[in-house]
Protein backbone atom coordinates (compact mmCIF):
# COMPACT_ATOMS: atom_id res chain seq x y z
CA MET A 1 -28.43 -47.47 30.95
CA SER A 2 -24.76 -45.65 31.04
CA PHE A 3 -25.25 -43.97 27.98
CA GLN A 4 -27.00 -40.81 26.62
CA LYS A 5 -27.04 -38.86 23.93
CA ALA A 6 -24.11 -36.52 23.77
CA THR A 7 -24.60 -32.53 23.83
CA LYS A 8 -21.99 -30.07 23.08
CA LYS A 9 -21.40 -28.14 26.24
CA ARG A 10 -19.34 -24.86 27.17
CA SER A 11 -15.78 -25.14 27.70
CA LYS A 12 -12.63 -23.49 28.92
CA LEU A 13 -9.58 -22.80 26.43
CA LYS A 14 -6.45 -24.57 27.41
CA ILE A 15 -4.13 -23.41 24.68
CA THR A 16 -0.26 -23.20 24.33
CA LEU A 17 1.75 -20.44 22.50
CA ASN A 18 5.30 -22.42 21.32
CA GLY A 19 7.74 -20.34 19.65
CA PRO A 20 11.21 -18.94 19.94
CA ALA A 21 12.55 -16.08 22.26
CA GLY A 22 11.66 -12.20 20.58
CA ALA A 23 9.03 -14.04 18.87
CA GLY A 24 6.12 -12.25 21.14
CA LYS A 25 4.87 -15.58 22.94
CA THR A 26 4.04 -13.02 26.42
CA TYR A 27 1.71 -10.59 24.28
CA GLY A 28 0.28 -12.65 22.29
CA ALA A 29 -1.10 -14.70 25.50
CA LEU A 30 -2.11 -11.53 27.05
CA VAL A 31 -3.91 -10.55 24.03
CA ILE A 32 -5.43 -14.05 24.05
CA ALA A 33 -6.78 -12.97 27.50
CA ARG A 34 -8.18 -9.68 26.85
CA GLU A 35 -10.14 -11.32 23.93
CA LEU A 36 -11.72 -14.06 25.94
CA GLY A 37 -12.89 -11.27 27.75
CA SER A 38 -11.22 -12.13 31.10
CA VAL A 39 -12.34 -9.85 33.70
CA LYS A 40 -9.30 -11.47 36.46
CA THR A 41 -6.69 -12.49 34.79
CA ALA A 42 -3.66 -14.57 36.80
CA LEU A 43 0.20 -14.59 35.45
CA ILE A 44 2.71 -17.18 36.69
CA ASP A 45 5.78 -15.79 35.20
CA SER A 46 8.77 -17.19 34.93
CA GLU A 47 10.69 -15.06 32.70
CA HIS A 48 12.23 -12.70 35.44
CA GLY A 49 9.37 -10.27 35.05
CA ARG A 50 9.26 -9.62 31.60
CA ALA A 51 5.72 -9.28 31.63
CA SER A 52 5.56 -5.99 33.40
CA LEU A 53 6.38 -4.68 30.53
CA TYR A 54 2.95 -5.02 29.15
CA ALA A 55 1.63 -3.84 32.43
CA ASP A 56 0.26 -1.00 30.83
CA LYS A 57 -1.65 -1.92 28.21
CA PHE A 58 -3.24 -5.31 29.84
CA ARG A 59 -4.64 -5.64 33.37
CA PHE A 60 -3.17 -8.55 35.25
CA ASP A 61 -1.78 -9.88 38.47
CA SER A 62 1.57 -11.67 38.38
CA SER A 63 3.73 -14.02 40.79
CA GLU A 64 7.65 -14.29 39.71
CA LEU A 65 8.44 -17.36 40.15
CA GLU A 66 12.08 -17.42 41.23
CA GLU A 67 12.62 -21.74 41.30
CA PHE A 68 10.81 -23.74 38.87
CA SER A 69 9.86 -27.14 40.52
CA LEU A 70 6.95 -29.10 39.23
CA ASP A 71 5.56 -28.42 43.18
CA THR A 72 6.15 -24.61 42.80
CA TYR A 73 3.62 -24.64 39.68
CA ILE A 74 1.05 -26.92 40.58
CA LYS A 75 0.93 -24.75 44.14
CA GLU A 76 0.59 -21.41 41.95
CA ILE A 77 -1.79 -23.11 39.57
CA ARG A 78 -3.87 -23.84 42.61
CA SER A 79 -3.71 -20.36 44.16
CA ALA A 80 -4.90 -18.78 40.91
CA ALA A 81 -7.94 -20.96 41.18
CA ALA A 82 -8.54 -20.32 45.09
CA GLY A 83 -8.14 -16.70 43.93
CA GLY A 84 -10.68 -16.89 41.78
CA TYR A 85 -9.19 -16.11 38.40
CA ASP A 86 -11.24 -16.99 35.58
CA THR A 87 -7.84 -16.86 33.53
CA LEU A 88 -4.14 -17.83 33.75
CA VAL A 89 -1.62 -17.14 32.12
CA ILE A 90 1.37 -19.84 32.28
CA ASP A 91 4.65 -17.83 31.27
CA SER A 92 6.51 -20.23 30.67
CA LEU A 93 5.99 -23.58 30.98
CA SER A 94 9.32 -24.72 29.82
CA HIS A 95 10.92 -23.94 32.85
CA ALA A 96 8.98 -26.19 34.68
CA TRP A 97 10.90 -28.61 32.76
CA SER A 98 14.24 -27.36 32.65
CA GLY A 99 14.67 -24.43 34.60
CA ARG A 100 16.03 -24.58 38.06
CA GLY A 101 14.74 -27.14 40.46
CA GLY A 102 12.14 -28.17 37.21
CA ALA A 103 11.75 -32.09 36.21
CA LEU A 104 15.03 -32.62 34.47
CA GLU A 105 17.07 -30.78 37.58
CA GLU A 106 14.91 -32.60 39.48
CA VAL A 107 16.00 -36.54 37.88
CA ASP A 108 19.22 -35.70 37.77
CA LYS A 109 19.54 -34.85 41.93
CA ARG A 110 18.24 -38.99 42.32
CA GLY A 111 20.80 -41.38 43.68
CA GLY A 112 20.96 -44.71 43.01
CA SER A 113 22.65 -47.32 40.96
CA ASN A 114 20.46 -45.51 37.99
CA LYS A 115 19.90 -42.32 38.98
CA PHE A 116 17.64 -41.77 35.58
CA SER A 117 15.04 -44.50 36.23
CA ASN A 118 15.01 -43.34 40.00
CA GLY A 119 14.53 -39.80 38.95
CA TRP A 120 11.54 -40.94 36.69
CA LYS A 121 9.86 -42.70 38.84
CA ALA A 122 9.43 -39.85 40.90
CA VAL A 123 9.28 -37.10 38.69
CA THR A 124 6.56 -38.63 36.38
CA PRO A 125 3.87 -38.63 38.40
CA LYS A 126 4.61 -34.86 39.55
CA GLN A 127 4.75 -33.80 35.90
CA ASN A 128 1.55 -36.00 35.11
CA GLU A 129 0.07 -34.29 38.43
CA LEU A 130 0.73 -30.92 36.88
CA ILE A 131 -0.69 -31.36 33.06
CA ASP A 132 -3.74 -32.98 34.76
CA THR A 133 -3.74 -29.55 37.23
CA ILE A 134 -3.29 -27.38 34.36
CA ARG A 135 -6.51 -29.31 32.44
CA ALA A 136 -8.62 -29.57 35.25
CA TYR A 137 -8.42 -25.65 36.15
CA PRO A 138 -11.81 -23.75 36.18
CA GLY A 139 -10.80 -21.20 33.79
CA HIS A 140 -9.09 -20.33 30.48
CA VAL A 141 -5.24 -21.58 30.72
CA ILE A 142 -2.77 -20.18 28.36
CA CYS A 143 0.75 -21.42 28.55
CA THR A 144 4.16 -20.11 26.08
CA MET A 145 6.42 -22.45 26.03
CA ARG A 146 10.11 -21.44 24.46
CA LYS A 147 11.48 -23.46 21.39
CA LYS A 148 15.18 -24.19 20.63
CA MET A 149 16.34 -22.33 17.21
CA ASP A 150 17.73 -24.18 14.22
CA TYR A 151 18.60 -22.13 10.67
CA VAL A 152 17.55 -24.13 7.62
CA MET A 153 18.55 -22.54 3.85
CA GLU A 154 15.83 -21.16 1.71
CA GLN A 155 16.00 -19.53 -1.65
CA ASP A 156 15.04 -15.71 -1.69
CA ASP A 157 12.94 -14.39 -4.80
CA ARG A 158 16.44 -14.25 -6.72
CA GLY A 159 17.10 -17.67 -6.27
CA ARG A 160 20.28 -17.29 -4.31
CA ALA A 161 20.36 -20.01 -0.67
CA VAL A 162 19.80 -17.82 2.21
CA PRO A 163 19.67 -18.69 6.43
CA LYS A 164 16.21 -18.52 7.48
CA LYS A 165 15.73 -18.76 11.39
CA VAL A 166 13.45 -21.48 12.26
CA GLY A 167 12.10 -23.05 15.91
CA LEU A 168 12.63 -26.62 16.57
CA ALA A 169 9.92 -28.08 18.89
CA PRO A 170 9.28 -26.61 22.12
CA VAL A 171 11.21 -27.26 25.71
CA GLN A 172 9.06 -29.56 27.54
CA ARG A 173 8.33 -33.31 28.03
CA ASP A 174 7.82 -34.56 24.71
CA GLY A 175 4.66 -34.31 23.41
CA VAL A 176 3.15 -32.35 26.42
CA GLU A 177 1.75 -29.61 24.33
CA TYR A 178 -0.76 -32.21 22.88
CA GLU A 179 -2.30 -32.55 26.26
CA LEU A 180 -3.89 -28.93 25.78
CA ASP A 181 -6.65 -28.35 23.39
CA PHE A 182 -5.13 -25.85 21.06
CA ILE A 183 -1.50 -25.32 19.84
CA PHE A 184 -0.21 -22.02 18.05
CA ASP A 185 3.16 -21.68 16.82
CA ILE A 186 4.74 -18.53 16.86
CA ASP A 187 7.39 -18.37 13.92
CA ILE A 188 10.04 -15.24 14.76
CA ASP A 189 8.54 -12.98 12.24
CA GLY A 190 5.44 -13.01 14.21
CA THR A 191 3.64 -15.47 11.65
CA ILE A 192 0.64 -17.48 13.66
CA ARG A 193 0.22 -21.11 12.75
CA VAL A 194 -2.12 -23.67 14.03
CA SER A 195 -0.79 -26.26 14.50
CA LYS A 196 -3.75 -28.58 16.21
CA THR A 197 -7.22 -26.89 17.25
CA THR A 198 -10.73 -28.77 18.50
CA TYR A 199 -12.47 -25.62 16.53
CA ASP A 200 -12.60 -26.63 13.20
CA GLY A 201 -13.26 -23.08 12.11
CA LEU A 202 -9.31 -22.71 12.41
CA ALA A 203 -7.96 -26.00 11.43
CA ASN A 204 -4.36 -25.57 9.82
CA ALA A 205 -4.66 -21.57 9.50
CA VAL A 206 -2.38 -19.27 9.00
CA LEU A 207 -2.46 -16.02 11.03
CA ALA A 208 -0.66 -12.93 10.76
CA ARG A 209 0.11 -11.11 14.19
CA ALA A 210 -2.85 -8.52 14.17
CA GLU A 211 -5.35 -11.73 13.09
CA LEU A 212 -4.94 -13.31 16.32
CA PRO A 213 -7.41 -11.35 18.48
CA LYS A 214 -10.47 -11.99 15.43
CA ALA A 215 -9.08 -15.68 15.54
CA ILE A 216 -10.01 -15.45 19.37
CA GLU A 217 -12.89 -13.77 19.22
CA ARG A 218 -14.51 -17.03 16.93
CA ILE A 219 -12.59 -19.08 19.64
CA ARG A 220 -14.85 -18.13 22.28
CA ALA A 221 -17.49 -17.86 20.41
CA TRP A 222 -17.59 -21.39 20.00
CA LEU A 223 -16.62 -22.17 23.33
CA ASP A 224 -19.59 -20.41 25.26
CA ASP A 225 -22.03 -22.42 22.61
CA GLY A 226 -23.46 -25.07 24.45
CA THR A 227 -24.88 -26.28 27.55
CA PRO A 228 -23.63 -25.47 30.86
CA GLY A 229 -20.45 -28.50 31.27
CA PRO A 230 -20.08 -30.13 34.95
CA GLU A 231 -17.82 -28.50 37.47
CA LYS A 232 -14.94 -30.56 37.54
CA PRO A 233 -12.81 -30.65 41.17
CA MET A 234 -9.30 -29.13 41.07
CA PRO A 235 -7.24 -32.85 41.24
CA GLN A 236 -6.28 -33.23 44.82
CA PRO A 237 -2.13 -33.18 45.07
CA ALA A 238 -0.91 -36.41 44.35
CA GLU A 239 0.76 -38.59 47.92
CA VAL A 240 4.63 -38.64 47.82
CA VAL A 241 5.90 -41.71 49.09
CA LYS A 242 9.76 -41.96 49.81
CA PHE A 243 11.13 -45.70 49.83
CA GLU A 244 14.17 -46.69 51.33
CA LYS A 245 16.65 -49.60 50.02
CA GLY A 246 15.33 -53.23 51.11
CA GLY A 247 12.05 -51.99 53.39
CA THR A 248 9.34 -50.96 52.94
CA ALA A 249 7.28 -47.60 52.83
CA SER A 250 5.24 -45.88 55.41
CA GLY A 251 1.80 -46.81 54.70
CA ASP A 252 2.95 -50.27 53.44
CA LYS A 253 3.04 -49.40 49.90
CA PRO A 254 5.03 -52.03 47.66
CA THR A 255 8.52 -51.41 46.61
CA ASP A 256 8.54 -53.54 43.39
CA TRP A 257 8.19 -49.97 41.26
CA SER A 258 7.28 -50.82 37.50
CA PRO A 259 9.88 -50.18 35.07
CA ASP A 260 7.28 -48.50 33.09
CA GLY A 261 7.43 -45.28 35.19
CA ALA A 262 9.28 -43.40 32.91
CA PRO A 263 8.28 -41.23 30.00
CA ASP A 264 8.03 -43.08 27.04
CA SER A 265 9.72 -40.51 24.75
CA PRO A 266 12.71 -41.39 22.61
CA VAL A 267 14.79 -38.87 24.32
CA THR A 268 13.88 -40.43 27.74
CA LYS A 269 14.60 -43.82 27.36
CA LEU A 270 18.01 -43.08 25.87
CA GLU A 271 18.88 -41.02 29.06
CA VAL A 272 18.47 -44.23 30.69
CA ARG A 273 20.15 -46.49 28.33
CA PHE A 274 23.19 -43.80 28.81
CA ALA A 275 23.19 -44.28 32.32
CA GLU A 276 23.33 -48.63 32.22
CA ALA A 277 25.72 -48.35 29.38
CA GLN A 278 28.91 -50.55 30.54
CA SER A 279 31.37 -49.79 27.70
CA LYS A 280 32.61 -47.40 24.92
CA ALA A 281 30.78 -50.13 22.47
CA ASP A 282 27.32 -49.58 23.75
CA LEU A 283 28.27 -45.86 23.53
CA ASP A 284 29.00 -45.88 20.27
CA ALA A 285 25.67 -47.92 19.31
CA LEU A 286 24.13 -45.43 21.43
CA VAL A 287 25.65 -42.30 19.19
CA ALA A 288 24.04 -44.20 16.30
CA GLU A 289 20.70 -43.80 17.65
CA VAL A 290 20.81 -40.34 18.79
CA ARG A 291 22.26 -39.35 15.57
CA LYS A 292 18.65 -40.36 14.00
CA LEU A 293 17.00 -38.01 16.07
CA PRO A 294 16.09 -34.15 16.01
CA LYS A 295 18.71 -31.63 16.77
CA ALA A 296 17.03 -30.54 19.35
CA SER A 297 16.36 -33.93 21.18
CA GLN A 298 20.06 -34.34 20.63
CA GLU A 299 21.00 -31.36 22.69
CA GLU A 300 18.72 -32.59 25.40
CA LEU A 301 20.88 -35.66 25.32
CA ARG A 302 24.49 -34.34 25.43
CA ALA A 303 24.72 -34.01 29.02
CA ALA A 304 23.48 -37.83 29.66
CA PHE A 305 26.58 -38.93 26.94
CA GLY A 306 28.88 -36.84 28.54
CA ALA A 307 28.17 -38.26 32.03
CA ALA A 308 28.22 -41.87 30.24
CA ARG A 309 31.89 -41.09 28.84
CA ALA A 310 32.93 -39.99 32.06
CA ARG A 311 32.23 -42.70 34.23
CA ILE A 312 33.13 -45.47 31.58
CA SER A 313 36.31 -43.80 31.29
CA ASN A 314 36.92 -43.80 35.17
CA GLY A 315 36.16 -47.94 35.04
CA GLY A 316 32.57 -47.08 35.93
CA ALA A 317 33.10 -44.43 38.91
CA PRO A 318 30.47 -41.68 39.11
């Protein structure tokens, strides 16, 4: 019999803090690490050393990245695990997506008849490996992600319409934040909204900045309540296989990649369709679909639209 009575096991925190620039994500991440009782904290810094501004308030070791490829992030996470750091801060995970050398740039570098499709077939397994490596980290992991900004009109206490700055979706692959157990969204005014939690005591909570330490104290007690869980090994690096046109790869791997290799997000699907568009009519139909998406997604598709329009205007030449 393979089933047995389920018991609550101790676990490690896997959380993301999402917010616009200036909302206090880095500081908040370090507060969380401190309140978790971290003895040894590592911080992957893609923000040009910004975390060092808080070195007089928190104790941590940092690694400042100069490029933001998925392989670099994976290597740094493994290095932190090997170094015995009980808490890892990744500040920020957004650069692994849209930074120099990140996933989007890697996709854009791919050649072939359809660089977007070819690119995602190579990048998607590496993106998945990054998330698997985060989840398998043997200690706590605190990620930050940037949010793009927009303005909405709201009424003030006098009934006048005034603009309010708000954050949109995080800058990362669609839905990646849901791979983690907790999502804290930080507004520019410091208000923290708990939009996902595996701890019922904070479901849909709205916190002031000063309430964050107490909330983490409660989460820590909940995480520590239970029997010791089994140690899980870090995932092994994914095998990277290069295919030559019309041939087979080393190890005689098959060359018939599945078209399902690309992520299922609406943005990615539309990027592929822009790359395959053959006429102005195709572009017009795609633009109509893009206009139904959130503004953040529309901005992500601007480059794909521009490239497709230039290609079609040049008679199909790149």
